[in-house]
Protein backbone atom coordinates (compact mmCIF):
# COMPACT_ATOMS: atom_id res chain seq x y z
CA MET A 1 95.62 161.30 90.43
CA ALA A 2 93.36 160.18 93.29
CA GLU A 3 94.97 158.36 96.19
CA THR A 4 94.34 154.62 96.15
CA SER A 5 92.06 153.55 99.00
CA ARG A 6 92.82 150.81 101.51
CA VAL A 7 89.90 148.85 100.11
CA ALA A 8 91.37 149.00 96.61
CA PHE A 9 94.79 147.94 97.92
CA GLN A 10 93.19 145.02 99.79
CA VAL A 11 91.40 143.95 96.61
CA MET A 12 94.70 144.07 94.72
CA TRP A 13 96.46 142.07 97.44
CA THR A 14 93.81 139.37 97.25
CA ARG A 15 94.08 139.46 93.46
CA LEU A 16 97.85 138.91 93.65
CA ILE A 17 97.33 135.84 95.82
CA SER A 18 94.81 134.61 93.26
CA VAL A 19 97.28 135.28 90.44
CA VAL A 20 100.04 133.18 92.00
CA GLU A 21 97.57 130.40 92.83
CA GLU A 22 96.59 130.29 89.15
CA GLN A 23 100.31 130.26 88.36
CA ALA A 24 100.79 127.21 90.62
CA GLN A 25 97.76 125.39 89.24
CA ALA A 26 99.04 125.92 85.71
CA LEU A 27 102.25 124.18 86.77
CA VAL A 28 100.29 121.26 88.25
CA ARG A 29 98.32 120.87 85.01
CA THR A 30 101.29 121.03 82.64
CA ALA A 31 104.16 119.37 84.54
CA PHE A 32 105.43 115.98 83.43
CA SER A 33 106.78 114.69 86.76
CA THR A 34 104.40 112.95 89.17
CA SER A 35 106.20 114.73 92.01
CA VAL A 36 104.66 117.95 90.71
CA ARG A 37 101.31 117.03 89.16
CA GLU A 38 100.35 114.43 91.78
CA ALA A 39 102.25 115.34 94.97
CA GLY A 40 102.29 119.12 94.58
CA ASP A 41 106.02 119.44 95.32
CA LEU A 42 106.23 122.94 93.90
CA SER A 43 105.88 126.62 94.68
CA ALA A 44 104.98 129.86 92.97
CA GLY A 45 105.30 133.50 93.95
CA VAL A 46 105.32 137.11 92.76
CA TYR A 47 108.00 139.67 93.70
CA ASP A 48 108.45 143.40 93.34
CA ASP A 49 111.21 144.93 91.24
CA GLN A 50 113.59 144.72 94.23
CA GLY A 51 113.07 140.96 94.55
CA ARG A 52 110.88 141.13 97.66
CA MET A 53 108.19 138.46 97.80
CA LEU A 54 104.70 139.99 97.75
CA ALA A 55 102.53 136.89 97.58
CA GLN A 56 102.82 133.12 97.40
CA ALA A 57 100.49 130.43 96.14
CA VAL A 58 98.42 128.41 98.58
CA THR A 59 99.42 125.31 96.60
CA GLY A 60 103.00 124.28 97.30
CA THR A 61 105.48 123.47 100.01
CA PRO A 62 107.10 125.93 102.46
CA GLY A 63 110.56 124.57 101.76
CA HIS A 64 110.26 125.93 98.25
CA VAL A 65 108.27 129.10 98.78
CA ASN A 66 110.18 130.41 101.78
CA ALA A 67 113.49 129.46 100.17
CA MET A 68 112.48 131.30 96.99
CA ALA A 69 111.99 134.41 99.11
CA ASP A 70 115.78 134.41 99.50
CA ALA A 71 116.54 132.97 96.05
CA VAL A 72 115.14 135.72 93.81
CA PRO A 73 117.64 138.35 95.07
CA HIS A 74 120.40 135.89 94.10
CA PHE A 75 119.02 135.84 90.55
CA ILE A 76 119.00 139.64 90.38
CA ARG A 77 122.58 139.80 91.64
CA ARG A 78 123.89 137.07 89.34
CA ILE A 79 122.14 138.23 86.16
CA GLY A 80 122.73 141.92 86.89
CA ARG A 81 120.07 144.60 86.71
CA ASP A 82 121.51 146.03 83.50
CA ASN A 83 121.18 142.61 81.85
CA ILE A 84 117.50 141.99 82.71
CA ARG A 85 115.40 142.16 79.53
CA ASP A 86 111.77 141.71 78.57
CA GLY A 87 111.33 138.12 77.37
CA ASP A 88 114.12 136.73 79.56
CA ILE A 89 113.68 133.56 81.60
CA TYR A 90 116.27 132.58 84.24
CA ILE A 91 116.96 129.16 85.67
CA THR A 92 119.00 127.34 88.31
CA ASN A 93 119.08 124.26 90.48
CA ASP A 94 121.94 125.60 92.64
CA PRO A 95 121.24 124.18 96.13
CA TRP A 96 122.69 127.23 97.91
CA GLU A 97 121.01 129.91 95.79
CA GLY A 98 117.86 127.98 94.91
CA THR A 99 115.85 125.70 97.17
CA GLY A 100 118.34 123.30 98.67
CA HIS A 101 119.17 120.46 96.27
CA LEU A 102 119.78 119.74 92.58
CA HIS A 103 116.41 118.06 92.07
CA ASP A 104 114.62 121.40 92.52
CA PHE A 105 114.69 123.67 89.49
CA THR A 106 113.79 127.30 90.09
CA VAL A 107 112.71 129.47 87.18
CA VAL A 108 112.46 133.27 87.49
CA THR A 109 110.86 135.53 84.88
CA PRO A 110 111.02 139.33 84.91
CA SER A 111 107.67 141.03 84.33
CA PHE A 112 107.70 144.23 82.28
CA HIS A 113 104.85 146.74 82.01
CA LYS A 114 104.97 149.53 79.43
CA GLY A 115 108.68 148.97 78.92
CA ALA A 116 109.66 149.12 82.61
CA LEU A 117 110.49 146.30 85.01
CA ALA A 118 107.49 145.82 87.29
CA GLY A 119 108.52 142.71 89.20
CA PHE A 120 109.33 139.02 88.95
CA PHE A 121 107.53 135.71 88.95
CA ALA A 122 109.28 132.65 90.35
CA CYS A 123 108.38 128.99 90.59
CA THR A 124 110.09 125.81 91.69
CA ALA A 125 109.42 122.15 91.02
CA HIS A 126 110.99 118.89 92.14
CA VAL A 127 112.01 116.85 89.10
CA VAL A 128 112.42 113.07 89.08
CA ASP A 129 116.00 112.89 87.82
CA VAL A 130 119.05 115.12 87.28
CA GLY A 131 121.53 112.38 86.41
CA GLY A 132 124.46 111.55 88.68
CA ARG A 133 123.90 108.88 91.30
CA GLY A 134 120.17 109.48 91.26
CA PHE A 135 117.93 110.81 94.01
CA GLY A 136 119.35 109.42 97.23
CA ALA A 137 121.77 109.94 100.09
CA ASP A 138 124.73 107.93 98.81
CA ALA A 139 126.84 110.71 97.27
CA ASN A 140 129.97 112.03 98.96
CA SER A 141 129.77 115.51 97.37
CA VAL A 142 127.31 117.57 95.37
CA PHE A 143 129.38 116.83 92.25
CA GLU A 144 128.14 113.23 92.37
CA GLU A 145 124.50 114.18 92.76
CA GLY A 146 123.77 115.24 89.20
CA LEU A 147 123.69 118.09 86.72
CA TYR A 148 124.40 121.45 88.38
CA VAL A 149 122.96 124.45 86.52
CA PRO A 150 124.14 127.81 87.92
CA ILE A 151 121.92 130.88 87.68
CA MET A 152 121.76 131.66 83.96
CA LYS A 153 119.40 132.56 81.14
CA PHE A 154 117.04 129.85 79.93
CA ALA A 155 115.68 132.35 77.42
CA ASP A 156 117.28 135.60 76.24
CA GLN A 157 114.64 138.13 75.12
CA GLY A 158 112.33 135.33 74.10
CA ARG A 159 114.91 133.02 72.50
CA ILE A 160 115.28 129.68 74.30
CA ASP A 161 118.88 128.52 74.80
CA GLN A 162 118.85 125.35 72.72
CA THR A 163 122.45 124.57 73.67
CA LEU A 164 121.44 124.42 77.34
CA ILE A 165 118.52 122.11 76.49
CA THR A 166 120.84 119.81 74.52
CA LEU A 167 123.29 119.73 77.42
CA ILE A 168 120.56 118.92 79.95
CA ARG A 169 119.08 116.17 77.76
CA ALA A 170 122.48 114.49 77.46
CA ASN A 171 122.99 114.27 81.23
CA VAL A 172 119.73 112.88 82.66
CA ARG A 173 117.89 109.56 82.59
CA GLN A 174 114.46 110.99 81.75
CA PRO A 175 115.22 113.85 79.32
CA ASP A 176 111.71 114.30 77.91
CA GLN A 177 110.25 114.47 81.39
CA LEU A 178 112.77 117.02 82.66
CA ILE A 179 112.61 119.29 79.63
CA GLY A 180 108.82 119.12 79.79
CA ASP A 181 108.96 120.22 83.42
CA LEU A 182 111.24 123.15 82.59
CA PHE A 183 108.87 124.43 79.93
CA ALA A 184 105.97 123.95 82.36
CA LEU A 185 107.83 126.14 84.88
CA ALA A 186 108.44 128.81 82.25
CA ASN A 187 104.82 128.62 81.11
CA CYS A 188 103.36 129.08 84.58
CA ASN A 189 105.46 132.21 85.10
CA GLY A 190 104.14 133.50 81.79
CA ILE A 191 100.58 132.98 82.96
CA GLY A 192 101.34 134.85 86.17
CA HIS A 193 102.83 137.72 84.16
CA ARG A 194 99.77 138.03 81.93
CA ARG A 195 97.39 138.07 84.91
CA LEU A 196 99.54 140.68 86.64
CA ILE A 197 99.46 142.96 83.61
CA ASP A 198 95.68 142.54 83.41
CA MET A 199 95.44 143.66 87.04
CA MET A 200 97.77 146.61 86.56
CA GLN A 201 95.75 147.80 83.58
CA GLU A 202 92.46 147.35 85.45
CA PHE A 203 93.67 149.48 88.37
CA ALA A 204 95.69 151.89 86.19
CA LEU A 205 98.96 151.01 87.94
CA VAL A 206 102.19 152.28 86.47
CA ASP A 207 104.25 150.08 88.79
CA LEU A 208 103.84 147.89 91.88
CA GLY A 209 105.34 150.39 94.31
CA GLY A 210 102.07 151.37 95.97
CA ILE A 211 100.62 147.89 96.42
CA ALA A 212 104.05 146.53 97.46
CA GLY A 213 104.32 149.16 100.17
CA PHE A 214 100.80 148.41 101.38
CA ILE A 215 101.40 144.65 101.54
CA LEU A 216 104.80 144.83 103.19
CA THR A 217 103.94 147.54 105.71
CA ASN A 218 100.71 145.91 106.86
CA SER A 219 102.27 142.44 106.99
CA ARG A 220 105.23 143.65 109.00
CA ASP A 221 103.04 145.58 111.43
CA ALA A 222 100.67 142.64 111.92
CA THR A 223 103.51 140.19 112.51
CA LEU A 224 105.26 142.49 114.98
CA ALA A 225 102.01 142.97 116.87
CA ARG A 226 101.73 139.20 117.31
CA ILE A 227 105.34 138.89 118.44
CA ASN A 228 105.14 141.81 120.87
CA ALA A 229 102.01 140.36 122.46
CA LEU A 230 104.06 137.35 123.58
CA LYS A 231 105.93 137.11 126.85
CA PRO A 232 109.66 137.58 126.21
CA GLY A 233 111.83 134.59 126.96
CA THR A 234 114.41 132.09 125.81
CA ALA A 235 114.24 128.30 125.69
CA ASP A 236 116.30 125.46 124.26
CA GLY A 237 115.09 122.52 122.23
CA ALA A 238 116.78 119.31 121.13
CA MET A 239 115.97 116.24 119.09
CA ARG A 240 117.92 113.19 117.97
CA ILE A 241 117.12 111.59 114.62
CA ASP A 242 118.50 108.65 112.68
CA GLY A 243 120.92 110.33 110.28
CA TYR A 244 122.65 108.17 107.67
CA SER A 245 125.17 105.95 109.43
CA HIS A 246 125.03 107.62 112.86
CA PRO A 247 122.48 109.75 114.74
CA VAL A 248 122.11 113.48 114.18
CA ASP A 249 121.52 115.86 117.09
CA LEU A 250 119.49 118.97 116.39
CA LYS A 251 119.87 121.73 118.97
CA VAL A 252 118.09 125.06 118.85
CA ARG A 253 117.63 128.14 121.02
CA ILE A 254 114.49 130.22 120.56
CA SER A 255 114.39 133.77 121.92
CA ILE A 256 111.27 135.92 121.87
CA GLY A 257 112.12 139.60 122.15
CA ARG A 258 110.90 143.01 121.11
CA ASP A 259 110.09 143.02 117.38
CA GLN A 260 111.75 139.71 116.64
CA VAL A 261 111.99 135.99 117.31
CA SER A 262 115.45 134.50 116.91
CA CYS A 263 116.25 130.89 116.17
CA ASP A 264 119.85 129.75 116.61
CA TRP A 265 121.03 126.24 115.65
CA SER A 266 124.40 126.37 117.44
CA GLY A 267 125.42 123.01 118.87
CA THR A 268 123.79 120.98 116.10
CA SER A 269 125.76 118.05 114.64
CA PRO A 270 128.44 118.69 112.00
CA PRO A 271 127.81 117.87 108.33
CA ASP A 272 127.37 114.24 107.38
CA ARG A 273 129.64 112.63 104.81
CA LYS A 274 126.53 111.53 102.91
CA GLY A 275 123.77 113.48 101.22
CA ILE A 276 121.49 114.50 104.09
CA ASN A 277 123.07 117.92 104.65
CA VAL A 278 121.02 121.11 104.56
CA PRO A 279 121.97 124.44 102.94
CA LEU A 280 121.14 127.44 105.11
CA ILE A 281 118.51 128.69 102.66
CA TYR A 282 116.42 125.56 103.36
CA THR A 283 117.02 125.68 107.12
CA LYS A 284 115.74 129.24 107.14
CA ALA A 285 112.67 128.23 105.13
CA TYR A 286 111.46 125.53 107.52
CA SER A 287 112.51 127.39 110.65
CA CYS A 288 110.50 130.45 109.59
CA TYR A 289 107.57 128.23 108.69
CA ALA A 290 107.54 126.53 112.10
CA LEU A 291 107.68 129.82 113.98
CA LYS A 292 105.10 131.51 111.81
CA CYS A 293 102.67 128.58 112.16
CA ALA A 294 102.83 128.94 115.93
CA ILE A 295 102.86 132.73 116.21
CA ALA A 296 101.20 134.31 113.16
CA PRO A 297 99.60 131.56 111.05
CA ASP A 298 96.89 133.69 109.44
CA ILE A 299 99.13 136.50 108.18
CA PRO A 300 99.96 135.93 104.50
CA ASN A 301 103.53 134.92 103.73
CA ASN A 302 105.69 137.56 102.12
CA ALA A 303 109.06 139.20 102.64
CA ALA A 304 107.81 141.42 105.47
CA SER A 305 105.91 138.78 107.44
CA LEU A 306 109.00 136.53 107.39
CA GLU A 307 111.50 139.30 108.20
CA PRO A 308 111.04 139.39 112.02
CA PHE A 309 112.08 135.74 112.29
CA ARG A 310 115.89 135.71 112.46
CA ILE A 311 117.44 132.33 111.66
CA THR A 312 121.13 131.63 112.26
CA ALA A 313 123.27 128.51 112.12
CA PRO A 314 127.05 128.16 112.29
CA GLU A 315 128.76 127.15 109.07
CA ASN A 316 129.78 123.51 108.84
CA THR A 317 126.85 122.23 110.84
CA ILE A 318 124.42 119.85 109.20
CA VAL A 319 121.88 122.70 108.99
CA ASN A 320 124.35 125.07 107.31
CA ALA A 321 126.41 122.81 105.11
CA VAL A 322 128.58 124.64 102.61
CA HIS A 323 129.54 123.76 99.06
CA PRO A 324 130.43 121.04 98.00
CA ALA A 325 128.59 119.04 100.69
CA PRO A 326 126.14 116.42 99.37
CA VAL A 327 122.58 117.68 99.90
CA ALA A 328 120.22 115.51 97.82
CA LEU A 329 118.13 114.44 100.83
CA ARG A 330 118.25 117.77 102.64
CA HIS A 331 114.53 117.38 103.31
CA VAL A 332 115.12 114.41 105.63
CA ILE A 333 116.77 116.79 108.10
CA GLY A 334 114.94 119.95 107.05
CA HIS A 335 111.48 118.50 107.67
CA MET A 336 112.53 117.63 111.23
CA LEU A 337 113.46 121.20 112.16
CA PRO A 338 109.94 122.29 113.18
CA ASP A 339 109.70 119.48 115.76
CA ALA A 340 113.00 120.56 117.31
CA ILE A 341 111.81 124.18 117.36
CA TYR A 342 108.55 123.13 119.00
CA ASP A 343 110.49 121.33 121.73
CA ALA A 344 111.78 124.79 122.70
CA LEU A 345 108.64 126.75 121.90
CA ASP A 346 106.47 124.50 124.08
CA LYS A 347 108.38 125.87 127.08
CA LEU A 348 107.51 129.43 126.06
CA LEU A 349 104.01 129.08 124.59
CA ALA A 350 102.05 126.50 126.55
CA ASP A 351 99.33 124.51 124.77
CA THR A 352 100.27 125.91 121.38
CA VAL A 353 102.47 123.48 119.45
CA PRO A 354 101.82 119.85 118.46
CA ALA A 355 103.62 116.71 119.54
CA GLU A 356 106.29 115.36 117.22
CA GLY A 357 105.13 113.71 114.02
CA ALA A 358 106.69 111.63 111.27
CA GLY A 359 108.52 114.77 110.19
CA CYS A 360 110.19 114.02 106.89
CA LEU A 361 108.32 112.55 103.97
CA CYS A 362 108.49 108.77 103.57
CA ASN A 363 109.81 108.87 100.02
CA PHE A 364 111.50 106.24 97.94
CA GLN A 365 112.60 105.92 94.34
CA LEU A 366 112.69 102.75 92.25
CA SER A 367 115.24 102.37 89.45
CA LEU A 368 113.62 99.56 87.47
CA ARG A 369 115.27 97.54 84.71
CA PRO A 370 114.92 94.17 82.94
CA ARG A 371 115.99 91.30 85.18
CA THR A 372 119.64 90.25 84.86
CA ASP A 373 119.50 86.85 86.56
CA ALA A 374 117.63 85.27 83.63
CA PRO A 375 116.31 86.28 80.20
CA ALA A 376 113.88 89.18 80.49
CA PRO A 377 110.65 89.56 78.50
CA ASP A 378 110.87 91.62 75.30
CA ASP A 379 108.60 94.28 76.76
CA ALA A 380 110.71 94.84 79.90
CA VAL A 381 111.80 98.47 80.22
CA ARG A 382 113.90 100.83 82.29
CA ALA A 383 112.14 103.46 84.38
CA GLU A 384 112.66 105.83 87.30
CA VAL A 385 109.65 105.92 89.63
CA LEU A 386 109.61 108.39 92.52
CA THR A 387 106.81 108.18 95.05
CA PHE A 388 105.96 110.56 97.89
CA ASN A 389 104.32 109.20 101.03
CA SER A 390 103.52 110.40 104.53
CA GLY A 391 103.51 109.13 108.07
CA GLY A 392 101.22 110.53 110.74
CA SER A 393 101.37 114.04 112.13
CA GLY A 394 101.68 114.75 115.84
CA ALA A 395 98.64 115.24 118.03
CA ARG A 396 97.73 118.86 118.70
CA PRO A 397 96.78 120.49 122.01
CA ARG A 398 93.04 120.18 121.31
CA VAL A 399 92.67 117.64 118.51
CA ASP A 400 94.15 114.37 117.24
CA GLY A 401 97.00 114.24 114.76
CA MET A 402 96.23 113.69 111.09
CA ASN A 403 96.54 110.24 109.57
CA ALA A 404 99.08 109.79 106.75
CA THR A 405 99.40 113.55 106.30
CA ALA A 406 102.63 115.40 105.66
CA PHE A 407 103.67 118.07 108.14
CA PRO A 408 105.55 120.34 107.71
CA SER A 409 105.94 119.88 103.95
CA GLY A 410 102.26 119.79 103.01
CA VAL A 411 103.14 117.56 100.05
CA MET A 412 100.39 115.18 99.00
CA THR A 413 100.67 111.39 98.96
CA MET A 414 100.77 110.07 95.40
CA PRO A 415 97.84 107.94 94.23
CA VAL A 416 98.69 104.31 93.56
CA GLU A 417 97.30 104.59 90.04
CA ALA A 418 99.62 107.47 89.19
CA THR A 419 102.64 105.62 90.56
CA GLU A 420 101.90 102.45 88.61
CA GLN A 421 101.24 104.39 85.41
CA VAL A 422 104.77 105.78 85.04
CA GLY A 423 106.73 102.53 85.25
CA PRO A 424 106.64 98.74 85.74
CA VAL A 425 105.94 98.93 89.48
CA ILE A 426 103.18 97.28 91.50
CA VAL A 427 101.91 98.68 94.80
CA TRP A 428 100.67 95.57 96.59
CA ARG A 429 99.53 97.27 99.76
CA LYS A 430 98.82 100.81 100.94
CA GLU A 431 96.69 101.22 104.05
CA LEU A 432 96.62 102.91 107.44
CA ARG A 433 98.79 101.37 110.15
CA PRO A 434 96.76 100.64 113.32
CA ASP A 435 98.35 101.45 116.70
CA SER A 436 101.05 103.63 115.11
CA GLY A 437 99.57 106.86 116.48
CA GLY A 438 100.95 107.58 119.94
CA ALA A 439 98.43 107.35 122.77
CA GLY A 440 97.38 110.52 124.54
CA GLN A 441 94.49 112.71 125.50
CA PHE A 442 94.76 113.45 121.81
CA ARG A 443 96.07 110.59 119.67
CA GLY A 444 98.87 110.92 117.15
CA GLY A 445 98.06 110.46 113.47
CA LEU A 446 98.48 107.00 111.98
CA GLY A 447 101.27 106.03 109.63
CA GLN A 448 100.84 103.68 106.66
CA TYR A 449 101.70 100.19 105.56
CA MET A 450 103.07 100.00 102.04
CA GLU A 451 104.40 97.11 99.94
CA VAL A 452 105.92 97.57 96.50
CA GLY A 453 107.46 95.34 93.87
CA ALA A 454 108.19 95.21 90.16
CA VAL A 455 106.20 93.85 87.27
CA GLU A 456 107.23 90.33 86.20
CA GLY A 457 110.56 90.36 84.39
CA HIS A 458 112.05 93.31 86.27
CA GLU A 459 114.44 93.94 89.15
CA PHE A 460 115.14 97.26 90.79
CA ASP A 461 117.31 99.40 93.01
CA PHE A 462 115.40 100.84 95.95
CA GLN A 463 116.48 104.29 97.13
CA ALA A 464 115.27 104.62 100.72
CA MET A 465 114.72 108.11 102.14
CA LEU A 466 113.22 107.27 105.53
CA ASP A 467 113.81 108.33 109.13
CA ARG A 468 112.25 107.56 112.54
CA VAL A 469 113.59 103.99 112.40
CA ASP A 470 115.55 104.29 115.65
CA HIS A 471 114.10 107.55 116.96
CA PRO A 472 110.29 107.60 116.79
CA ALA A 473 108.24 110.74 117.34
CA ARG A 474 108.15 111.87 120.98
CA GLY A 475 104.95 112.71 122.82
CA ARG A 476 104.24 116.00 124.50
CA ARG A 477 102.70 116.73 127.91
CA GLY A 478 102.42 113.05 128.81
CA GLY A 479 101.61 111.75 125.34
CA ARG A 480 103.18 108.47 124.16
CA PRO A 481 105.62 108.03 121.25
CA GLY A 482 104.44 107.27 117.75
CA GLY A 483 105.25 104.00 116.01
CA ALA A 484 108.74 103.70 114.52
CA THR A 485 109.54 103.17 110.83
CA LYS A 486 110.13 99.58 109.69
CA ILE A 487 111.50 98.36 106.37
CA ALA A 488 112.43 94.88 105.09
CA ARG A 489 112.10 92.65 102.05
CA ASP A 490 109.31 90.09 101.99
CA ASP A 491 111.90 87.35 102.61
CA GLN A 492 112.65 89.12 105.94
CA THR A 493 115.97 90.55 104.71
CA ARG A 494 116.48 93.75 106.69
CA MET A 495 116.86 97.00 104.79
CA LYS A 496 118.32 100.37 105.73
CA GLY A 497 116.27 103.50 106.18
CA LYS A 498 118.48 105.38 103.74
CA GLY A 499 120.52 104.51 100.69
CA LYS A 500 120.37 102.47 97.49
CA GLN A 501 119.63 98.75 97.97
CA PHE A 502 119.17 96.05 95.35
CA VAL A 503 115.89 94.14 95.21
CA PRO A 504 116.06 91.00 93.04
CA HIS A 505 113.42 89.74 90.67
CA GLY A 506 110.27 88.54 92.43
CA ARG A 507 110.89 90.23 95.76
CA LYS A 508 108.86 93.00 97.43
CA VAL A 509 109.78 95.80 99.82
CA MET A 510 107.57 95.99 102.92
CA MET A 511 107.37 99.27 104.82
CA ALA A 512 105.61 100.57 107.91
CA PHE A 513 105.71 104.36 107.96
CA PRO A 514 105.88 106.14 111.34
CA GLY A 515 102.99 107.49 113.36
CA GLY A 516 102.70 110.82 115.11
CA ALA A 517 103.10 111.07 118.87
CA GLY A 518 100.31 111.68 121.37
CA TYR A 519 99.53 114.85 123.31
CA GLY A 520 98.50 114.76 126.97
CA ASP A 521 97.83 111.90 129.39
CA PRO A 522 96.03 108.96 127.70
CA ALA A 523 93.93 108.59 130.86
CA SER A 524 92.30 111.91 130.02
CA ARG A 525 91.13 110.87 126.55
CA ASP A 526 87.40 111.14 125.91
CA PRO A 527 85.99 107.56 126.11
CA VAL A 528 83.80 108.33 123.09
CA LEU A 529 86.94 108.91 121.02
CA VAL A 530 88.55 105.72 122.32
CA ARG A 531 85.50 103.69 121.30
CA ARG A 532 85.43 105.39 117.91
CA ASP A 533 89.11 104.60 117.30
CA LEU A 534 88.57 100.95 118.20
CA ALA A 535 85.51 100.66 115.95
CA LEU A 536 87.38 102.23 113.02
CA GLY A 537 90.42 100.00 113.52
CA TYR A 538 92.73 102.89 114.39
CA ILE A 539 93.68 101.08 117.61
CA SER A 540 93.65 97.39 118.47
CA ALA A 541 91.76 95.75 121.32
CA GLU A 542 95.08 95.33 123.11
CA LYS A 543 95.87 99.06 122.92
CA ALA A 544 92.33 99.99 123.91
CA ALA A 545 92.86 97.99 127.09
CA SER A 546 96.50 98.81 127.91
CA ASP A 547 96.60 102.49 126.91
CA TYR A 548 93.04 103.62 127.59
CA GLY A 549 91.70 101.19 130.18
CA LEU A 550 88.74 99.68 128.31
CA SER A 551 87.55 96.42 129.86
CA GLN A 552 87.39 93.19 127.88
CA ALA A 553 83.61 93.24 128.13
CA GLU A 554 83.45 96.79 126.71
CA ILE A 555 85.81 95.83 123.89
CA ALA A 556 83.87 92.69 122.96
CA ASP A 557 80.55 94.54 122.96
CA LEU A 558 81.86 97.42 120.86
CA LEU A 559 83.50 95.16 118.26
CA ALA A 560 80.31 93.12 117.95
CA ARG A 561 78.27 96.28 117.35
CA ALA A 562 80.81 97.60 114.86
CA ALA A 563 80.65 94.31 112.95
CA LYS A 564 76.91 94.87 112.52
CA GLY A 565 77.57 98.26 110.94
CA GLU A 566 76.77 100.47 113.91
CA GLU A 567 78.47 103.87 113.65
CA PHE A 568 80.43 105.48 116.47
């Protein structure tokens, strides 16, 4: 048999990436939850028969994909190689062996070719409800956070476990939605499997050994070349964030050495009594992502390109919380890890990493029900509505931050129409927040204003999942901080950044999501960009004067021209 050429291997590698992207898009098209089909809170990947990730979808979030890189070996170990059969489908939402909390279901499907195990497909999706207290930080242990499904068979040689489905349906608030999502996860793995078999037949592959070796060897070599081109060194980073009832200190040490970059979270705060703790699998996912973005962003993600990044954290810290710690909002801490890493990395790699941004997603969930203070209309209903939103990202060394864009998660903001379609909720306001981007040579991205309420005849519980209330994003290299998070009812009643809070009939929740911080001295900003920002309403006349030195005459002239429709 002729030896496979490098060109053929490269074609197959590209095809695998295409296969898992089709897998992810199938999940988007068939999922029931808005968190998947609208926000893209999902992941998809293909693995060799040893459980090593070979390719991941472009669509998805690094917290899922990079965590799944560690999760699939757990499935192999728990199920047992001798018990893996063609037609099987495996499932879990175990936070420590999946992707970090109970609201993420991971489904793994073995892929057989000509009677032999060729590899695995895996996918993860965030579902709206798993029972328990609901999606929020209020639990005191994982046992309160909802249904906990250990690694087990969802299907045994093609036969779906109907007992498991009955058990799940009996324990969640939105059973049709959750079961629909689980079948969507299984379906997308099936699509990936069929495309893989098509590729193997086209290239006359008996197994994936050859292409796996090509992918992993070349990815490892390319990543090591990037690391070894860097100047060795060690630096510390630190960041304080809001936490639940008291601040959380993140401390990290980054060491660049021969053939590896290590990231150690020693000194970080202990676990919180509430559900913002992070399993190590999720800490590793976002730590690897942050380092890879800075050092080797263009090398495809797989087991080998992630391997040189060594992530450690002492047990019983908030970034390595052990069972049964509550972990529902692990993303609130996990999404902040890249900014802490970049505080250290900026001392080692000048002009490489961005200023701090909003960090965690600005999510909230509404538990709507008929009003209880007076008779409710006959058509009043109960509903769970989860919405994903973003603040601004931090300014970068050569360009402004992105407005209302999620970094590091990459999750999309949900359209208002999609949010209002799934329950009796009204989004009264959703617009960019002027002046929230920190001033700098490059301005931080803007946050958002958002106001929500319920349809007439309803009241609701508001589950807040916000940060940056007391600790806004910090600027870098002379850049100014981003705007802090604000939240209150429309009657000026203050609300907390985290936790379940009752909102009576007729009241709204008013939020200002945080902006990203600036990069560099504001005095060095290009005047053309300052005038553009003022004309677009990104900054106010007051900020144009105080932060960037525009005169009152310049401001008045520019605003008059902008009012006439002149473009800048």
